[in-house]
Amino acid sequence: MDEELVFRQFEEIEQKVERLIKICKAHEATNLELKSKLKSLEEEIQGKVEAERSYAEEKALMRSKIDGLLARIDENS
């Protein structure tokens, strides 16, 4: 009887270990997916930061040109 009980306990342990292994593999797959998503979002943010910087530079250039034209108009008035 004792041997049979020990054998059943080993079987239960094996089943639990197999379940844990499956859970770990699922978590690893999810982790890889999340890392990929994070990288994609970081690249998207970087692109938006660069676009915003470019827009700010363009806006500053336009403001400078407008100010220059207004100054010329004032000089000739």
N, C-alpha and C. Protein backbone atom coordinates (compact mmCIF):
# COMPACT_ATOMS: atom_id res chain seq x y z
N MET A 1 0.82 -1.19 0.00
CA MET A 1 0.00 0.00 0.00
C MET A 1 0.86 1.26 0.00
N ASP A 2 1.89 1.25 0.78
CA ASP A 2 2.75 2.41 0.85
C ASP A 2 3.39 2.70 -0.50
N GLU A 3 3.79 1.66 -1.19
CA GLU A 3 4.40 1.84 -2.51
C GLU A 3 3.40 2.43 -3.49
N GLU A 4 2.18 1.96 -3.42
CA GLU A 4 1.14 2.48 -4.32
C GLU A 4 0.87 3.95 -4.03
N LEU A 5 0.84 4.34 -2.78
CA LEU A 5 0.62 5.73 -2.39
C LEU A 5 1.77 6.60 -2.90
N VAL A 6 2.98 6.13 -2.71
CA VAL A 6 4.16 6.88 -3.17
C VAL A 6 4.12 7.01 -4.69
N PHE A 7 3.73 5.93 -5.38
CA PHE A 7 3.65 5.96 -6.83
C PHE A 7 2.62 6.99 -7.30
N ARG A 8 1.46 7.04 -6.65
CA ARG A 8 0.42 8.03 -6.99
C ARG A 8 0.91 9.45 -6.73
N GLN A 9 1.63 9.61 -5.64
CA GLN A 9 2.15 10.94 -5.33
C GLN A 9 3.16 11.41 -6.38
N PHE A 10 4.00 10.48 -6.84
CA PHE A 10 4.95 10.81 -7.90
C PHE A 10 4.20 11.19 -9.19
N GLU A 11 3.14 10.47 -9.50
CA GLU A 11 2.34 10.79 -10.68
C GLU A 11 1.72 12.19 -10.55
N GLU A 12 1.21 12.50 -9.38
CA GLU A 12 0.64 13.83 -9.14
C GLU A 12 1.71 14.91 -9.30
N ILE A 13 2.86 14.65 -8.75
CA ILE A 13 3.97 15.61 -8.85
C ILE A 13 4.35 15.80 -10.32
N GLU A 14 4.44 14.71 -11.08
CA GLU A 14 4.77 14.81 -12.50
C GLU A 14 3.74 15.64 -13.26
N GLN A 15 2.46 15.42 -12.96
CA GLN A 15 1.41 16.18 -13.63
C GLN A 15 1.51 17.67 -13.28
N LYS A 16 1.76 17.96 -12.03
CA LYS A 16 1.88 19.36 -11.61
C LYS A 16 3.10 20.03 -12.26
N VAL A 17 4.19 19.29 -12.34
CA VAL A 17 5.40 19.82 -12.98
C VAL A 17 5.12 20.09 -14.46
N GLU A 18 4.43 19.17 -15.12
CA GLU A 18 4.09 19.35 -16.53
C GLU A 18 3.20 20.59 -16.71
N ARG A 19 2.25 20.78 -15.82
CA ARG A 19 1.39 21.98 -15.89
C ARG A 19 2.22 23.25 -15.70
N LEU A 20 3.14 23.20 -14.73
CA LEU A 20 3.99 24.37 -14.49
C LEU A 20 4.87 24.68 -15.70
N ILE A 21 5.38 23.65 -16.34
CA ILE A 21 6.20 23.84 -17.54
C ILE A 21 5.37 24.49 -18.65
N LYS A 22 4.13 24.02 -18.84
CA LYS A 22 3.25 24.61 -19.85
C LYS A 22 2.97 26.07 -19.52
N ILE A 23 2.72 26.36 -18.26
CA ILE A 23 2.45 27.74 -17.83
C ILE A 23 3.68 28.61 -18.10
N CYS A 24 4.86 28.11 -17.77
CA CYS A 24 6.09 28.87 -18.00
C CYS A 24 6.30 29.15 -19.48
N LYS A 25 6.04 28.16 -20.32
CA LYS A 25 6.20 28.36 -21.76
C LYS A 25 5.20 29.38 -22.28
N ALA A 26 3.98 29.35 -21.75
CA ALA A 26 2.98 30.35 -22.16
C ALA A 26 3.42 31.74 -21.73
N HIS A 27 3.97 31.84 -20.52
CA HIS A 27 4.45 33.14 -20.04
C HIS A 27 5.63 33.63 -20.87
N GLU A 28 6.50 32.72 -21.26
CA GLU A 28 7.64 33.10 -22.10
C GLU A 28 7.16 33.64 -23.44
N ALA A 29 6.15 32.98 -24.03
CA ALA A 29 5.62 33.45 -25.31
C ALA A 29 4.97 34.82 -25.15
N THR A 30 4.22 34.99 -24.08
CA THR A 30 3.59 36.28 -23.82
C THR A 30 4.64 37.36 -23.60
N ASN A 31 5.69 37.01 -22.88
CA ASN A 31 6.77 37.95 -22.61
C ASN A 31 7.44 38.40 -23.91
N LEU A 32 7.71 37.47 -24.80
CA LEU A 32 8.31 37.81 -26.09
C LEU A 32 7.39 38.73 -26.89
N GLU A 33 6.11 38.42 -26.87
CA GLU A 33 5.13 39.23 -27.58
C GLU A 33 5.10 40.66 -27.01
N LEU A 34 5.13 40.77 -25.70
CA LEU A 34 5.11 42.09 -25.05
C LEU A 34 6.39 42.87 -25.34
N LYS A 35 7.52 42.17 -25.35
CA LYS A 35 8.78 42.84 -25.67
C LYS A 35 8.74 43.39 -27.10
N SER A 36 8.19 42.63 -28.01
CA SER A 36 8.07 43.07 -29.40
C SER A 36 7.15 44.29 -29.49
N LYS A 37 6.05 44.24 -28.79
CA LYS A 37 5.10 45.36 -28.78
C LYS A 37 5.76 46.60 -28.18
N LEU A 38 6.53 46.42 -27.11
CA LEU A 38 7.22 47.54 -26.47
C LEU A 38 8.21 48.18 -27.44
N LYS A 39 8.96 47.36 -28.15
CA LYS A 39 9.93 47.88 -29.12
C LYS A 39 9.21 48.67 -30.20
N SER A 40 8.10 48.14 -30.68
CA SER A 40 7.32 48.83 -31.71
C SER A 40 6.81 50.17 -31.20
N LEU A 41 6.31 50.20 -29.98
CA LEU A 41 5.81 51.45 -29.40
C LEU A 41 6.92 52.46 -29.18
N GLU A 42 8.09 51.98 -28.75
CA GLU A 42 9.23 52.88 -28.56
C GLU A 42 9.66 53.50 -29.89
N GLU A 43 9.64 52.70 -30.95
CA GLU A 43 9.99 53.22 -32.27
C GLU A 43 8.96 54.24 -32.74
N GLU A 44 7.69 53.96 -32.46
CA GLU A 44 6.62 54.89 -32.82
C GLU A 44 6.78 56.21 -32.07
N ILE A 45 7.08 56.12 -30.78
CA ILE A 45 7.29 57.33 -29.98
C ILE A 45 8.47 58.12 -30.52
N GLN A 46 9.56 57.43 -30.85
CA GLN A 46 10.75 58.11 -31.37
C GLN A 46 10.42 58.84 -32.67
N GLY A 47 9.63 58.21 -33.52
CA GLY A 47 9.22 58.84 -34.77
C GLY A 47 8.40 60.09 -34.52
N LYS A 48 7.51 60.02 -33.54
CA LYS A 48 6.69 61.18 -33.22
C LYS A 48 7.51 62.30 -32.59
N VAL A 49 8.48 61.94 -31.79
CA VAL A 49 9.36 62.94 -31.20
C VAL A 49 10.14 63.66 -32.30
N GLU A 50 10.64 62.91 -33.25
CA GLU A 50 11.39 63.51 -34.36
C GLU A 50 10.48 64.40 -35.21
N ALA A 51 9.26 63.95 -35.45
CA ALA A 51 8.31 64.76 -36.23
C ALA A 51 7.98 66.05 -35.49
N GLU A 52 7.81 65.96 -34.19
CA GLU A 52 7.51 67.15 -33.39
C GLU A 52 8.69 68.13 -33.41
N ARG A 53 9.90 67.61 -33.31
CA ARG A 53 11.09 68.46 -33.36
C ARG A 53 11.18 69.16 -34.72
N SER A 54 10.94 68.42 -35.77
CA SER A 54 10.98 68.98 -37.12
C SER A 54 9.92 70.07 -37.28
N TYR A 55 8.73 69.81 -36.77
CA TYR A 55 7.65 70.78 -36.83
C TYR A 55 8.02 72.05 -36.06
N ALA A 56 8.63 71.90 -34.89
CA ALA A 56 9.03 73.06 -34.08
C ALA A 56 10.08 73.88 -34.82
N GLU A 57 11.03 73.21 -35.48
CA GLU A 57 12.05 73.92 -36.25
C GLU A 57 11.43 74.67 -37.41
N GLU A 58 10.50 74.02 -38.11
CA GLU A 58 9.82 74.66 -39.24
C GLU A 58 9.01 75.86 -38.76
N LYS A 59 8.34 75.71 -37.66
CA LYS A 59 7.54 76.80 -37.09
C LYS A 59 8.44 77.99 -36.72
N ALA A 60 9.58 77.70 -36.11
CA ALA A 60 10.52 78.76 -35.73
C ALA A 60 11.06 79.47 -36.97
N LEU A 61 11.34 78.72 -38.02
CA LEU A 61 11.83 79.31 -39.26
C LEU A 61 10.77 80.23 -39.88
N MET A 62 9.52 79.78 -39.90
CA MET A 62 8.44 80.61 -40.43
C MET A 62 8.27 81.87 -39.60
N ARG A 63 8.33 81.73 -38.29
CA ARG A 63 8.20 82.89 -37.40
C ARG A 63 9.32 83.89 -37.68
N SER A 64 10.52 83.39 -37.88
CA SER A 64 11.67 84.24 -38.17
C SER A 64 11.47 84.99 -39.49
N LYS A 65 10.99 84.28 -40.51
CA LYS A 65 10.76 84.91 -41.81
C LYS A 65 9.66 85.97 -41.72
N ILE A 66 8.59 85.65 -41.01
CA ILE A 66 7.49 86.61 -40.83
C ILE A 66 7.99 87.85 -40.09
N ASP A 67 8.76 87.64 -39.03
CA ASP A 67 9.31 88.77 -38.28
C ASP A 67 10.22 89.63 -39.17
N GLY A 68 11.00 88.98 -40.00
CA GLY A 68 11.88 89.70 -40.92
C GLY A 68 11.08 90.53 -41.92
N LEU A 69 10.03 89.93 -42.47
CA LEU A 69 9.19 90.66 -43.43
C LEU A 69 8.48 91.84 -42.76
N LEU A 70 7.98 91.62 -41.54
CA LEU A 70 7.32 92.71 -40.81
C LEU A 70 8.30 93.83 -40.51
N ALA A 71 9.53 93.48 -40.18
CA ALA A 71 10.56 94.49 -39.90
C ALA A 71 10.86 95.29 -41.17
N ARG A 72 10.92 94.62 -42.30
CA ARG A 72 11.17 95.32 -43.58
C ARG A 72 10.01 96.25 -43.93
N ILE A 73 8.79 95.79 -43.67
CA ILE A 73 7.61 96.63 -43.94
C ILE A 73 7.67 97.89 -43.06
N ASP A 74 8.01 97.67 -41.77
CA ASP A 74 8.10 98.81 -40.84
C ASP A 74 9.17 99.80 -41.29
N GLU A 75 10.29 99.30 -41.81
CA GLU A 75 11.38 100.16 -42.25
C GLU A 75 10.95 101.02 -43.44
N ASN A 76 10.15 100.45 -44.30
CA ASN A 76 9.74 101.14 -45.53
C ASN A 76 8.46 101.96 -45.33
N SER A 77 7.89 101.96 -44.16
CA SER A 77 6.66 102.70 -43.94
C SER A 77 6.92 104.12 -43.52
